[in-house]
Amino acid sequence: MANHRKEVPTLRSLSKRQWTKIAAFLVAVGLLSGAGVASRSFYAAEHQTSHVTAYSATDANAQEVSRGSFREPLRGANANTVYVTVKVNGQSRVVLGDNFTDVKSVLDTGDITLEPNDTVSPALNTKVTESTVITISRAGARLETSQSPIDFNIVKKETSALLRGQQKVETEGKAGVMETTSIVTRAGGKVVDSNVFASFVKSAPVDKVILIGTGTSSSGSGSASAGGAARAAAASIGTTVPAGAMQQWAHDYMLSNGYSEADFSATVFIISHESGWRVNAMNPSGAYGLPQALPGSKMGSMGADWATNYQTQLRWFWQYCAGRYGSVQGAYQYWLSHHNY
């Protein structure tokens, strides 16, 4: 009688060939699982978010007014600040503000005056965002660039290496260059309208440094004490002779309000390098005024006339230096190391 019971294979009954197939299958499953874990790790690493911690408008090519590499306190923590690009006949400029409603409000904030024949896109009543680019085409007008000199300052430093009454020029002064771009409309070869579009310090002035002797004949210019005093004097900021009305006012104001001559000299150095003492110096990034505040409207905390009054701008500058660097000289020391503040 035949046995019809189905024979169930056991582990012992498996052949060597069957064992080989099972081992190969288990190895394949292991490789696929490992590849899945590795791919997930690779994806996570590739898509890890990088956070930007600061915005920089530094003059990397020395062609724009100096800006710091970390200027959030200067710009303020207002989350509503908007950056809108305006192009006039192909030339771009960024306008900053915190109360933009439409295209017209951007042009008003940027002090951009429209002419009767100008073509504006988008329309003046169009709402704006940071992605908005306002284009202005001005018939009969073109962008013209001009350069004007920035006077250098005279700095006097005392040194015992020279006898009292003696003077020596340590560094010759050199005028800086202010570059201004304007939208100019001409008729019959004559300029009928001109609006400043941007201006910045192309090259900063170099101070003329004069050494003033304080030594006596008995001190000996070669003595160690005299040499040490000379090095200390050379390392100091010195005393700056005012070169204009704004500097004269700043000098008198600072000395009557507890500042020192060194504080004044630090002020002259920073402002000369930031704006060349131009109240309306305007960087395409949106920085404005003597201290190149970003945006310029931040100086409104010192007065509604911040856009035109150099005294308002300077008072804001001194307050900012005290708040961020502890003093004007602290800002000066930072500027020497970073070429901005």
C-alpha atoms as a PDB file:
ATOM      1  CA  MET A   1       0.000   0.000   0.000  1.00  0.00           C
ATOM      2  CA  ALA A   2       1.400   3.342  -1.085  1.00  0.00           C
ATOM      3  CA  ASN A   3       2.181   6.012   1.517  1.00  0.00           C
ATOM      4  CA  HIS A   4       0.418   9.280   0.431  1.00  0.00           C
ATOM      5  CA  ARG A   5       1.479  11.339   3.487  1.00  0.00           C
ATOM      6  CA  LYS A   6       3.139  14.618   2.360  1.00  0.00           C
ATOM      7  CA  GLU A   7       6.772  14.673   3.338  1.00  0.00           C
ATOM      8  CA  VAL A   8       7.681  17.913   5.206  1.00  0.00           C
ATOM      9  CA  PRO A   9      11.332  18.961   4.770  1.00  0.00           C
ATOM     10  CA  THR A  10      13.371  19.577   7.933  1.00  0.00           C
ATOM     11  CA  LEU A  11      16.611  21.489   8.473  1.00  0.00           C
ATOM     12  CA  ARG A  12      18.509  18.227   8.518  1.00  0.00           C
ATOM     13  CA  SER A  13      16.979  17.132   5.229  1.00  0.00           C
ATOM     14  CA  LEU A  14      18.086  20.298   3.324  1.00  0.00           C
ATOM     15  CA  SER A  15      20.772  19.721   0.737  1.00  0.00           C
ATOM     16  CA  LYS A  16      24.019  21.668   0.544  1.00  0.00           C
ATOM     17  CA  ARG A  17      22.725  23.558  -2.505  1.00  0.00           C
ATOM     18  CA  GLN A  18      19.560  24.624  -0.663  1.00  0.00           C
ATOM     19  CA  TRP A  19      21.632  25.863   2.289  1.00  0.00           C
ATOM     20  CA  THR A  20      23.719  27.986  -0.139  1.00  0.00           C
ATOM     21  CA  LYS A  21      20.594  29.644  -1.593  1.00  0.00           C
ATOM     22  CA  ILE A  22      19.239  30.471   1.869  1.00  0.00           C
ATOM     23  CA  ALA A  23      22.571  32.034   2.917  1.00  0.00           C
ATOM     24  CA  ALA A  24      22.699  34.140  -0.273  1.00  0.00           C
ATOM     25  CA  PHE A  25      19.145  35.399   0.348  1.00  0.00           C
ATOM     26  CA  LEU A  26      19.947  36.451   3.927  1.00  0.00           C
ATOM     27  CA  VAL A  27      23.094  38.309   2.778  1.00  0.00           C
ATOM     28  CA  ALA A  28      21.081  40.200   0.123  1.00  0.00           C
ATOM     29  CA  VAL A  29      18.462  41.253   2.679  1.00  0.00           C
ATOM     30  CA  GLY A  30      21.205  42.527   4.994  1.00  0.00           C
ATOM     31  CA  LEU A  31      22.827  44.602   2.248  1.00  0.00           C
ATOM     32  CA  LEU A  32      19.521  46.238   1.271  1.00  0.00           C
ATOM     33  CA  SER A  33      18.760  47.167   4.896  1.00  0.00           C
ATOM     34  CA  GLY A  34      22.213  48.718   5.350  1.00  0.00           C
ATOM     35  CA  ALA A  35      21.868  50.730   2.138  1.00  0.00           C
ATOM     36  CA  GLY A  36      18.526  52.125   3.339  1.00  0.00           C
ATOM     37  CA  VAL A  37      20.013  53.328   6.645  1.00  0.00           C
ATOM     38  CA  ALA A  38      23.015  54.852   4.892  1.00  0.00           C
ATOM     39  CA  SER A  39      20.847  56.655   2.349  1.00  0.00           C
ATOM     40  CA  ARG A  40      18.672  58.134   5.099  1.00  0.00           C
ATOM     41  CA  SER A  41      21.783  59.354   6.951  1.00  0.00           C
ATOM     42  CA  PHE A  42      23.180  60.822   3.741  1.00  0.00           C
ATOM     43  CA  TYR A  43      19.899  62.584   2.983  1.00  0.00           C
ATOM     44  CA  ALA A  44      19.733  64.031   6.497  1.00  0.00           C
ATOM     45  CA  ALA A  45      23.319  65.288   6.252  1.00  0.00           C
ATOM     46  CA  GLU A  46      22.759  66.776   2.805  1.00  0.00           C
ATOM     47  CA  HIS A  47      19.601  68.630   3.860  1.00  0.00           C
ATOM     48  CA  GLN A  48      20.753  69.923   7.225  1.00  0.00           C
ATOM     49  CA  THR A  49      19.671  73.559   7.492  1.00  0.00           C
ATOM     50  CA  SER A  50      22.346  76.251   7.743  1.00  0.00           C
ATOM     51  CA  HIS A  51      21.331  79.427   9.603  1.00  0.00           C
ATOM     52  CA  VAL A  52      22.634  82.811   8.510  1.00  0.00           C
ATOM     53  CA  THR A  53      23.650  84.756  11.619  1.00  0.00           C
ATOM     54  CA  ALA A  54      24.520  88.169  10.173  1.00  0.00           C
ATOM     55  CA  TYR A  55      24.166  90.375   7.115  1.00  0.00           C
ATOM     56  CA  SER A  56      27.220  92.094   5.711  1.00  0.00           C
ATOM     57  CA  ALA A  57      27.489  95.008   3.349  1.00  0.00           C
ATOM     58  CA  THR A  58      31.214  95.377   3.815  1.00  0.00           C
ATOM     59  CA  ASP A  59      33.196  97.189   1.116  1.00  0.00           C
ATOM     60  CA  ALA A  60      35.084  94.079   0.010  1.00  0.00           C
ATOM     61  CA  ASN A  61      36.366  95.840  -3.102  1.00  0.00           C
ATOM     62  CA  ALA A  62      36.979  99.159  -1.322  1.00  0.00           C
ATOM     63  CA  GLN A  63      34.511 100.803  -3.719  1.00  0.00           C
ATOM     64  CA  GLU A  64      31.708 101.492  -1.274  1.00  0.00           C
ATOM     65  CA  VAL A  65      31.331 103.159   2.047  1.00  0.00           C
ATOM     66  CA  SER A  66      32.550 100.913   4.842  1.00  0.00           C
ATOM     67  CA  ARG A  67      30.047  98.606   6.502  1.00  0.00           C
ATOM     68  CA  GLY A  68      30.612  96.162   9.331  1.00  0.00           C
ATOM     69  CA  SER A  69      30.432  92.387   9.121  1.00  0.00           C
ATOM     70  CA  PHE A  70      27.851  92.278  11.956  1.00  0.00           C
ATOM     71  CA  ARG A  71      25.631  95.342  12.043  1.00  0.00           C
ATOM     72  CA  GLU A  72      22.272  94.133  13.398  1.00  0.00           C
ATOM     73  CA  PRO A  73      22.209  96.605  16.324  1.00  0.00           C
ATOM     74  CA  LEU A  74      22.865  99.468  13.889  1.00  0.00           C
ATOM     75  CA  ARG A  75      20.081  98.319  11.599  1.00  0.00           C
ATOM     76  CA  GLY A  76      17.813  97.656  14.549  1.00  0.00           C
ATOM     77  CA  ALA A  77      15.788  94.591  15.415  1.00  0.00           C
ATOM     78  CA  ASN A  78      12.661  95.747  13.563  1.00  0.00           C
ATOM     79  CA  ALA A  79      11.364  92.644  11.821  1.00  0.00           C
ATOM     80  CA  ASN A  80       9.274  94.816   9.456  1.00  0.00           C
ATOM     81  CA  THR A  81      12.293  96.339   7.700  1.00  0.00           C
ATOM     82  CA  VAL A  82      12.010  95.742   3.949  1.00  0.00           C
ATOM     83  CA  TYR A  83      14.723  95.897   1.296  1.00  0.00           C
ATOM     84  CA  VAL A  84      13.399  97.033  -2.100  1.00  0.00           C
ATOM     85  CA  THR A  85      15.536  97.350  -5.247  1.00  0.00           C
ATOM     86  CA  VAL A  86      15.072 100.403  -7.471  1.00  0.00           C
ATOM     87  CA  LYS A  87      16.601 100.560 -10.959  1.00  0.00           C
ATOM     88  CA  VAL A  88      16.876 103.890 -12.757  1.00  0.00           C
ATOM     89  CA  ASN A  89      18.053 103.588 -16.348  1.00  0.00           C
ATOM     90  CA  GLY A  90      19.743 100.298 -15.445  1.00  0.00           C
ATOM     91  CA  GLN A  91      21.494 101.500 -12.280  1.00  0.00           C
ATOM     92  CA  SER A  92      20.432  99.597  -9.127  1.00  0.00           C
ATOM     93  CA  ARG A  93      20.049 100.866  -5.592  1.00  0.00           C
ATOM     94  CA  VAL A  94      18.526  99.325  -2.452  1.00  0.00           C
ATOM     95  CA  VAL A  95      16.015 101.368  -0.448  1.00  0.00           C
ATOM     96  CA  LEU A  96      15.326 100.328   3.167  1.00  0.00           C
ATOM     97  CA  GLY A  97      12.280 101.106   5.263  1.00  0.00           C
ATOM     98  CA  ASP A  98       9.827  99.673   7.771  1.00  0.00           C
ATOM     99  CA  ASN A  99       6.574 101.257   6.609  1.00  0.00           C
ATOM    100  CA  PHE A 100       6.426 100.605   2.861  1.00  0.00           C
ATOM    101  CA  THR A 101       2.895 100.347   1.483  1.00  0.00           C
ATOM    102  CA  ASP A 102       3.341 100.799  -2.260  1.00  0.00           C
ATOM    103  CA  VAL A 103       5.831 101.811  -4.942  1.00  0.00           C
ATOM    104  CA  LYS A 104       5.331 105.520  -4.223  1.00  0.00           C
ATOM    105  CA  SER A 105       6.257 105.068  -0.553  1.00  0.00           C
ATOM    106  CA  VAL A 106       9.539 103.421  -1.592  1.00  0.00           C
ATOM    107  CA  LEU A 107      10.436 106.281  -3.926  1.00  0.00           C
ATOM    108  CA  ASP A 108       9.567 108.847  -1.236  1.00  0.00           C
ATOM    109  CA  THR A 109      11.759 107.066   1.332  1.00  0.00           C
ATOM    110  CA  GLY A 110      14.637 106.828  -1.164  1.00  0.00           C
ATOM    111  CA  ASP A 111      14.238 110.534  -2.072  1.00  0.00           C
ATOM    112  CA  ILE A 112      13.819 109.587  -5.731  1.00  0.00           C
ATOM    113  CA  THR A 113      11.922 112.313  -7.592  1.00  0.00           C
ATOM    114  CA  LEU A 114       9.969 111.387 -10.723  1.00  0.00           C
ATOM    115  CA  GLU A 115       9.982 113.552 -13.815  1.00  0.00           C
ATOM    116  CA  PRO A 116       6.820 114.108 -15.951  1.00  0.00           C
ATOM    117  CA  ASN A 117       8.047 111.789 -18.727  1.00  0.00           C
ATOM    118  CA  ASP A 118       9.317 108.981 -16.480  1.00  0.00           C
ATOM    119  CA  THR A 119       7.990 105.458 -16.966  1.00  0.00           C
ATOM    120  CA  VAL A 120       7.588 103.488 -13.736  1.00  0.00           C
ATOM    121  CA  SER A 121       7.020  99.757 -13.433  1.00  0.00           C
ATOM    122  CA  PRO A 122       5.092  98.505 -11.507  1.00  0.00           C
ATOM    123  CA  ALA A 123       2.530 101.293 -11.003  1.00  0.00           C
ATOM    124  CA  LEU A 124       2.913 103.744  -8.107  1.00  0.00           C
ATOM    125  CA  ASN A 125      -0.026 102.242  -6.181  1.00  0.00           C
ATOM    126  CA  THR A 126       1.289  98.669  -6.430  1.00  0.00           C
ATOM    127  CA  LYS A 127       1.998  96.965  -3.098  1.00  0.00           C
ATOM    128  CA  VAL A 128       5.656  96.039  -2.535  1.00  0.00           C
ATOM    129  CA  THR A 129       7.596  93.198  -0.915  1.00  0.00           C
ATOM    130  CA  GLU A 130      11.304  92.404  -0.666  1.00  0.00           C
ATOM    131  CA  SER A 131      11.078  90.640  -4.036  1.00  0.00           C
ATOM    132  CA  THR A 132       9.760  93.758  -5.763  1.00  0.00           C
ATOM    133  CA  VAL A 133      12.057  95.435  -8.295  1.00  0.00           C
ATOM    134  CA  ILE A 134      10.986  98.951  -9.260  1.00  0.00           C
ATOM    135  CA  THR A 135      12.169 100.025 -12.710  1.00  0.00           C
ATOM    136  CA  ILE A 136      12.264 103.671 -13.791  1.00  0.00           C
ATOM    137  CA  SER A 137      13.013 104.687 -17.375  1.00  0.00           C
ATOM    138  CA  ARG A 138      13.832 108.359 -17.765  1.00  0.00           C
ATOM    139  CA  ALA A 139      13.784 109.773 -21.287  1.00  0.00           C
ATOM    140  CA  GLY A 140      16.520 112.274 -22.031  1.00  0.00           C
ATOM    141  CA  ALA A 141      18.312 111.475 -18.782  1.00  0.00           C
ATOM    142  CA  ARG A 142      21.435 109.508 -18.053  1.00  0.00           C
ATOM    143  CA  LEU A 143      23.519 108.513 -15.095  1.00  0.00           C
ATOM    144  CA  GLU A 144      26.647 110.614 -14.661  1.00  0.00           C
ATOM    145  CA  THR A 145      29.456 109.995 -12.202  1.00  0.00           C
ATOM    146  CA  SER A 146      31.606 112.743 -10.734  1.00  0.00           C
ATOM    147  CA  GLN A 147      34.399 112.842  -8.194  1.00  0.00           C
ATOM    148  CA  SER A 148      35.218 115.490  -5.619  1.00  0.00           C
ATOM    149  CA  PRO A 149      38.068 115.733  -3.096  1.00  0.00           C
ATOM    150  CA  ILE A 150      37.733 115.054   0.622  1.00  0.00           C
ATOM    151  CA  ASP A 151      40.022 117.257   2.695  1.00  0.00           C
ATOM    152  CA  PHE A 152      42.528 115.484   4.886  1.00  0.00           C
ATOM    153  CA  ASN A 153      42.939 116.320   8.558  1.00  0.00           C
ATOM    154  CA  ILE A 154      46.008 117.483  10.450  1.00  0.00           C
ATOM    155  CA  VAL A 155      46.917 115.338  13.445  1.00  0.00           C
ATOM    156  CA  LYS A 156      49.458 116.504  16.014  1.00  0.00           C
ATOM    157  CA  LYS A 157      51.260 114.051  18.281  1.00  0.00           C
ATOM    158  CA  GLU A 158      53.580 114.938  21.135  1.00  0.00           C
ATOM    159  CA  THR A 159      56.894 113.109  21.440  1.00  0.00           C
ATOM    160  CA  SER A 160      59.855 113.510  23.752  1.00  0.00           C
ATOM    161  CA  ALA A 161      62.127 112.246  20.982  1.00  0.00           C
ATOM    162  CA  LEU A 162      62.174 115.837  19.684  1.00  0.00           C
ATOM    163  CA  LEU A 163      63.250 118.877  21.657  1.00  0.00           C
ATOM    164  CA  ARG A 164      60.531 121.180  22.887  1.00  0.00           C
ATOM    165  CA  GLY A 165      59.595 123.641  20.128  1.00  0.00           C
ATOM    166  CA  GLN A 166      60.670 121.314  17.313  1.00  0.00           C
ATOM    167  CA  GLN A 167      58.223 119.859  14.814  1.00  0.00           C
ATOM    168  CA  LYS A 168      58.514 117.089  12.253  1.00  0.00           C
ATOM    169  CA  VAL A 169      56.116 115.817   9.611  1.00  0.00           C
ATOM    170  CA  GLU A 170      55.721 112.082  10.174  1.00  0.00           C
ATOM    171  CA  THR A 171      53.133 111.434   7.436  1.00  0.00           C
ATOM    172  CA  GLU A 172      52.127 113.664   4.542  1.00  0.00           C
ATOM    173  CA  GLY A 173      48.414 114.228   4.121  1.00  0.00           C
ATOM    174  CA  LYS A 174      46.497 113.046   1.082  1.00  0.00           C
ATOM    175  CA  ALA A 175      43.005 114.094   0.026  1.00  0.00           C
ATOM    176  CA  GLY A 176      40.372 111.393  -0.379  1.00  0.00           C
ATOM    177  CA  VAL A 177      37.876 110.991  -3.201  1.00  0.00           C
ATOM    178  CA  MET A 178      34.082 111.109  -2.971  1.00  0.00           C
ATOM    179  CA  GLU A 179      32.315 109.528  -5.971  1.00  0.00           C
ATOM    180  CA  THR A 180      28.759 110.654  -6.706  1.00  0.00           C
ATOM    181  CA  THR A 181      26.327 109.183  -9.240  1.00  0.00           C
ATOM    182  CA  SER A 182      23.492 111.487 -10.343  1.00  0.00           C
ATOM    183  CA  ILE A 183      20.519 111.223 -12.702  1.00  0.00           C
ATOM    184  CA  VAL A 184      21.089 114.184 -15.024  1.00  0.00           C
ATOM    185  CA  THR A 185      18.631 115.620 -17.551  1.00  0.00           C
ATOM    186  CA  ARG A 186      19.992 117.985 -20.173  1.00  0.00           C
ATOM    187  CA  ALA A 187      18.276 120.277 -22.668  1.00  0.00           C
ATOM    188  CA  GLY A 188      20.249 122.117 -25.287  1.00  0.00           C
ATOM    189  CA  GLY A 189      23.494 121.113 -23.591  1.00  0.00           C
ATOM    190  CA  LYS A 190      22.423 122.609 -20.276  1.00  0.00           C
ATOM    191  CA  VAL A 191      21.605 120.692 -17.115  1.00  0.00           C
ATOM    192  CA  VAL A 192      17.913 121.240 -16.339  1.00  0.00           C
ATOM    193  CA  ASP A 193      17.624 118.647 -13.558  1.00  0.00           C
ATOM    194  CA  SER A 194      20.003 116.596 -11.449  1.00  0.00           C
ATOM    195  CA  ASN A 195      19.200 114.169  -8.603  1.00  0.00           C
ATOM    196  CA  VAL A 196      21.867 112.418  -6.546  1.00  0.00           C
ATOM    197  CA  PHE A 197      21.319 108.656  -6.825  1.00  0.00           C
ATOM    198  CA  ALA A 198      24.252 107.420  -4.734  1.00  0.00           C
ATOM    199  CA  SER A 199      27.498 108.733  -3.268  1.00  0.00           C
ATOM    200  CA  PHE A 200      30.295 107.010  -1.417  1.00  0.00           C
ATOM    201  CA  VAL A 201      33.920 107.330  -0.381  1.00  0.00           C
ATOM    202  CA  LYS A 202      35.986 105.869  -3.203  1.00  0.00           C
ATOM    203  CA  SER A 203      39.220 106.453  -1.319  1.00  0.00           C
ATOM    204  CA  ALA A 204      39.547 107.735   2.228  1.00  0.00           C
ATOM    205  CA  PRO A 205      41.772 110.717   3.041  1.00  0.00           C
ATOM    206  CA  VAL A 206      45.126 110.183   4.713  1.00  0.00           C
ATOM    207  CA  ASP A 207      45.808 112.339   7.767  1.00  0.00           C
ATOM    208  CA  LYS A 208      48.831 114.598   7.866  1.00  0.00           C
ATOM    209  CA  VAL A 209      50.693 113.682  11.058  1.00  0.00           C
ATOM    210  CA  ILE A 210      52.957 116.253  12.686  1.00  0.00           C
ATOM    211  CA  LEU A 211      55.203 115.337  15.628  1.00  0.00           C
ATOM    212  CA  ILE A 212      55.511 118.039  18.321  1.00  0.00           C
ATOM    213  CA  GLY A 213      58.619 117.958  20.500  1.00  0.00           C
ATOM    214  CA  THR A 214      58.302 117.906  24.290  1.00  0.00           C
ATOM    215  CA  GLY A 215      61.820 116.741  25.197  1.00  0.00           C
ATOM    216  CA  THR A 216      64.624 118.684  26.878  1.00  0.00           C
ATOM    217  CA  SER A 217      68.321 118.750  26.056  1.00  0.00           C
ATOM    218  CA  SER A 218      69.097 116.745  29.205  1.00  0.00           C
ATOM    219  CA  SER A 219      66.704 113.931  28.357  1.00  0.00           C
ATOM    220  CA  GLY A 220      68.767 112.679  25.437  1.00  0.00           C
ATOM    221  CA  SER A 221      66.896 111.576  22.357  1.00  0.00           C
ATOM    222  CA  GLY A 222      68.660 108.239  22.451  1.00  0.00           C
ATOM    223  CA  SER A 223      67.727 107.359  26.014  1.00  0.00           C
ATOM    224  CA  ALA A 224      65.484 104.428  26.760  1.00  0.00           C
ATOM    225  CA  SER A 225      62.900 106.614  28.492  1.00  0.00           C
ATOM    226  CA  ALA A 226      62.664 108.983  25.548  1.00  0.00           C
ATOM    227  CA  GLY A 227      62.351 106.109  23.119  1.00  0.00           C
ATOM    228  CA  GLY A 228      59.580 104.549  25.172  1.00  0.00           C
ATOM    229  CA  ALA A 229      57.716 107.841  25.365  1.00  0.00           C
ATOM    230  CA  ALA A 230      58.046 108.290  21.610  1.00  0.00           C
ATOM    231  CA  ARG A 231      56.609 104.855  20.951  1.00  0.00           C
ATOM    232  CA  ALA A 232      53.723 105.519  23.343  1.00  0.00           C
ATOM    233  CA  ALA A 233      52.996 108.838  21.653  1.00  0.00           C
ATOM    234  CA  ALA A 234      53.073 107.235  18.219  1.00  0.00           C
ATOM    235  CA  ALA A 235      50.587 104.624  19.371  1.00  0.00           C
ATOM    236  CA  SER A 236      48.136 107.228  20.661  1.00  0.00           C
ATOM    237  CA  ILE A 237      45.390 108.753  18.556  1.00  0.00           C
ATOM    238  CA  GLY A 238      46.792 112.259  18.881  1.00  0.00           C
ATOM    239  CA  THR A 239      45.024 115.604  18.639  1.00  0.00           C
ATOM    240  CA  THR A 240      43.219 116.547  15.446  1.00  0.00           C
ATOM    241  CA  VAL A 241      42.999 120.138  14.250  1.00  0.00           C
ATOM    242  CA  PRO A 242      39.430 120.814  12.998  1.00  0.00           C
ATOM    243  CA  ALA A 243      39.253 121.122   9.193  1.00  0.00           C
ATOM    244  CA  GLY A 244      35.713 122.470   8.784  1.00  0.00           C
ATOM    245  CA  ALA A 245      32.629 123.858  10.439  1.00  0.00           C
ATOM    246  CA  MET A 246      31.187 120.439  11.272  1.00  0.00           C
ATOM    247  CA  GLN A 247      34.416 119.304  12.873  1.00  0.00           C
ATOM    248  CA  GLN A 248      34.715 122.575  14.785  1.00  0.00           C
ATOM    249  CA  TRP A 249      31.210 122.083  16.187  1.00  0.00           C
ATOM    250  CA  ALA A 250      31.948 118.437  17.015  1.00  0.00           C
ATOM    251  CA  HIS A 251      35.182 119.437  18.752  1.00  0.00           C
ATOM    252  CA  ASP A 252      33.516 122.085  20.924  1.00  0.00           C
ATOM    253  CA  TYR A 253      30.477 119.925  21.684  1.00  0.00           C
ATOM    254  CA  MET A 254      32.516 116.903  22.728  1.00  0.00           C
ATOM    255  CA  LEU A 255      34.908 118.800  25.005  1.00  0.00           C
ATOM    256  CA  SER A 256      32.000 120.578  26.721  1.00  0.00           C
ATOM    257  CA  ASN A 257      30.209 117.258  27.300  1.00  0.00           C
ATOM    258  CA  GLY A 258      32.964 115.267  28.966  1.00  0.00           C
ATOM    259  CA  TYR A 259      34.690 113.833  25.907  1.00  0.00           C
ATOM    260  CA  SER A 260      38.438 114.088  25.331  1.00  0.00           C
ATOM    261  CA  GLU A 261      40.638 115.230  22.453  1.00  0.00           C
ATOM    262  CA  ALA A 262      41.314 111.562  21.700  1.00  0.00           C
ATOM    263  CA  ASP A 263      37.557 110.968  21.441  1.00  0.00           C
ATOM    264  CA  PHE A 264      37.305 113.809  18.949  1.00  0.00           C
ATOM    265  CA  SER A 265      40.212 112.468  16.909  1.00  0.00           C
ATOM    266  CA  ALA A 266      38.579 109.036  16.826  1.00  0.00           C
ATOM    267  CA  THR A 267      35.354 110.650  15.609  1.00  0.00           C
ATOM    268  CA  VAL A 268      37.145 112.487  12.809  1.00  0.00           C
ATOM    269  CA  PHE A 269      38.914 109.315  11.711  1.00  0.00           C
ATOM    270  CA  ILE A 270      35.768 107.161  11.555  1.00  0.00           C
ATOM    271  CA  ILE A 271      33.515 109.743   9.896  1.00  0.00           C
ATOM    272  CA  SER A 272      36.217 110.630   7.347  1.00  0.00           C
ATOM    273  CA  HIS A 273      36.490 106.985   6.319  1.00  0.00           C
ATOM    274  CA  GLU A 274      32.754 106.249   6.448  1.00  0.00           C
ATOM    275  CA  SER A 275      31.311 109.247   4.586  1.00  0.00           C
ATOM    276  CA  GLY A 276      34.002 111.870   3.981  1.00  0.00           C
ATOM    277  CA  TRP A 277      31.928 114.258   6.140  1.00  0.00           C
ATOM    278  CA  ARG A 278      29.048 114.282   3.636  1.00  0.00           C
ATOM    279  CA  VAL A 279      25.719 114.583   5.450  1.00  0.00           C
ATOM    280  CA  ASN A 280      23.863 112.993   2.532  1.00  0.00           C
ATOM    281  CA  ALA A 281      26.422 110.291   1.670  1.00  0.00           C
ATOM    282  CA  MET A 282      24.330 107.386   0.436  1.00  0.00           C
ATOM    283  CA  ASN A 283      25.468 103.823  -0.174  1.00  0.00           C
ATOM    284  CA  PRO A 284      23.562 101.579  -2.633  1.00  0.00           C
ATOM    285  CA  SER A 285      23.063  99.181   0.304  1.00  0.00           C
ATOM    286  CA  GLY A 286      20.884 101.813   2.014  1.00  0.00           C
ATOM    287  CA  ALA A 287      23.466 103.208   4.466  1.00  0.00           C
ATOM    288  CA  TYR A 288      23.141 106.960   4.913  1.00  0.00           C
ATOM    289  CA  GLY A 289      24.707 110.044   6.436  1.00  0.00           C
ATOM    290  CA  LEU A 290      27.927 110.869   8.260  1.00  0.00           C
ATOM    291  CA  PRO A 291      28.018 107.606  10.271  1.00  0.00           C
ATOM    292  CA  GLN A 292      26.492 105.507   7.440  1.00  0.00           C
ATOM    293  CA  ALA A 293      23.592 104.307   9.582  1.00  0.00           C
ATOM    294  CA  LEU A 294      21.724 101.364   8.064  1.00  0.00           C
ATOM    295  CA  PRO A 295      19.001 102.379   7.501  1.00  0.00           C
ATOM    296  CA  GLY A 296      19.440 106.113   7.914  1.00  0.00           C
ATOM    297  CA  SER A 297      16.013 106.459   9.500  1.00  0.00           C
ATOM    298  CA  LYS A 298      17.469 104.941  12.703  1.00  0.00           C
ATOM    299  CA  MET A 299      18.987 108.360  13.359  1.00  0.00           C
ATOM    300  CA  GLY A 300      15.448 109.674  13.764  1.00  0.00           C
ATOM    301  CA  SER A 301      15.753 108.747  17.439  1.00  0.00           C
ATOM    302  CA  MET A 302      17.861 111.899  17.767  1.00  0.00           C
ATOM    303  CA  GLY A 303      15.648 114.215  15.738  1.00  0.00           C
ATOM    304  CA  ALA A 304      13.233 114.459  12.815  1.00  0.00           C
ATOM    305  CA  ASP A 305      15.891 116.354  10.829  1.00  0.00           C
ATOM    306  CA  TRP A 306      18.263 113.337  10.773  1.00  0.00           C
ATOM    307  CA  ALA A 307      18.533 113.356   6.962  1.00  0.00           C
ATOM    308  CA  THR A 308      20.016 116.860   6.738  1.00  0.00           C
ATOM    309  CA  ASN A 309      21.342 117.910  10.155  1.00  0.00           C
ATOM    310  CA  TYR A 310      24.943 116.904  10.824  1.00  0.00           C
ATOM    311  CA  GLN A 311      24.556 117.625  14.546  1.00  0.00           C
ATOM    312  CA  THR A 312      21.693 115.144  14.833  1.00  0.00           C
ATOM    313  CA  GLN A 313      23.715 112.543  12.933  1.00  0.00           C
ATOM    314  CA  LEU A 314      26.804 113.005  15.091  1.00  0.00           C
ATOM    315  CA  ARG A 315      24.871 112.788  18.360  1.00  0.00           C
ATOM    316  CA  TRP A 316      23.376 109.523  17.141  1.00  0.00           C
ATOM    317  CA  PHE A 317      26.850 108.306  16.146  1.00  0.00           C
ATOM    318  CA  TRP A 318      28.317 108.938  19.604  1.00  0.00           C
ATOM    319  CA  GLN A 319      25.362 107.207  21.267  1.00  0.00           C
ATOM    320  CA  TYR A 320      25.762 104.189  18.986  1.00  0.00           C
ATOM    321  CA  CYS A 321      29.515 103.932  19.678  1.00  0.00           C
ATOM    322  CA  ALA A 322      28.903 104.070  23.434  1.00  0.00           C
ATOM    323  CA  GLY A 323      26.206 101.420  23.257  1.00  0.00           C
ATOM    324  CA  ARG A 324      28.075  98.954  21.031  1.00  0.00           C
ATOM    325  CA  TYR A 325      31.772  99.542  21.787  1.00  0.00           C
ATOM    326  CA  GLY A 326      31.683 101.287  25.157  1.00  0.00           C
ATOM    327  CA  SER A 327      33.157 104.505  23.745  1.00  0.00           C
ATOM    328  CA  VAL A 328      34.137 106.317  20.566  1.00  0.00           C
ATOM    329  CA  GLN A 329      37.732 105.162  21.030  1.00  0.00           C
ATOM    330  CA  GLY A 330      36.470 101.595  21.344  1.00  0.00           C
ATOM    331  CA  ALA A 331      34.806 101.972  17.943  1.00  0.00           C
ATOM    332  CA  TYR A 332      38.042 103.471  16.611  1.00  0.00           C
ATOM    333  CA  GLN A 333      40.104 100.492  17.797  1.00  0.00           C
ATOM    334  CA  TYR A 334      37.584  98.125  16.190  1.00  0.00           C
ATOM    335  CA  TRP A 335      37.788 100.091  12.933  1.00  0.00           C
ATOM    336  CA  LEU A 336      41.586  99.767  12.852  1.00  0.00           C
ATOM    337  CA  SER A 337      41.280  95.976  13.028  1.00  0.00           C
ATOM    338  CA  HIS A 338      38.258  95.423  10.785  1.00  0.00           C
ATOM    339  CA  HIS A 339      38.214  98.524   8.515  1.00  0.00           C
ATOM    340  CA  ASN A 340      34.592  99.107   9.475  1.00  0.00           C
ATOM    341  CA  TYR A 341      32.633  99.527  12.686  1.00  0.00           C
END
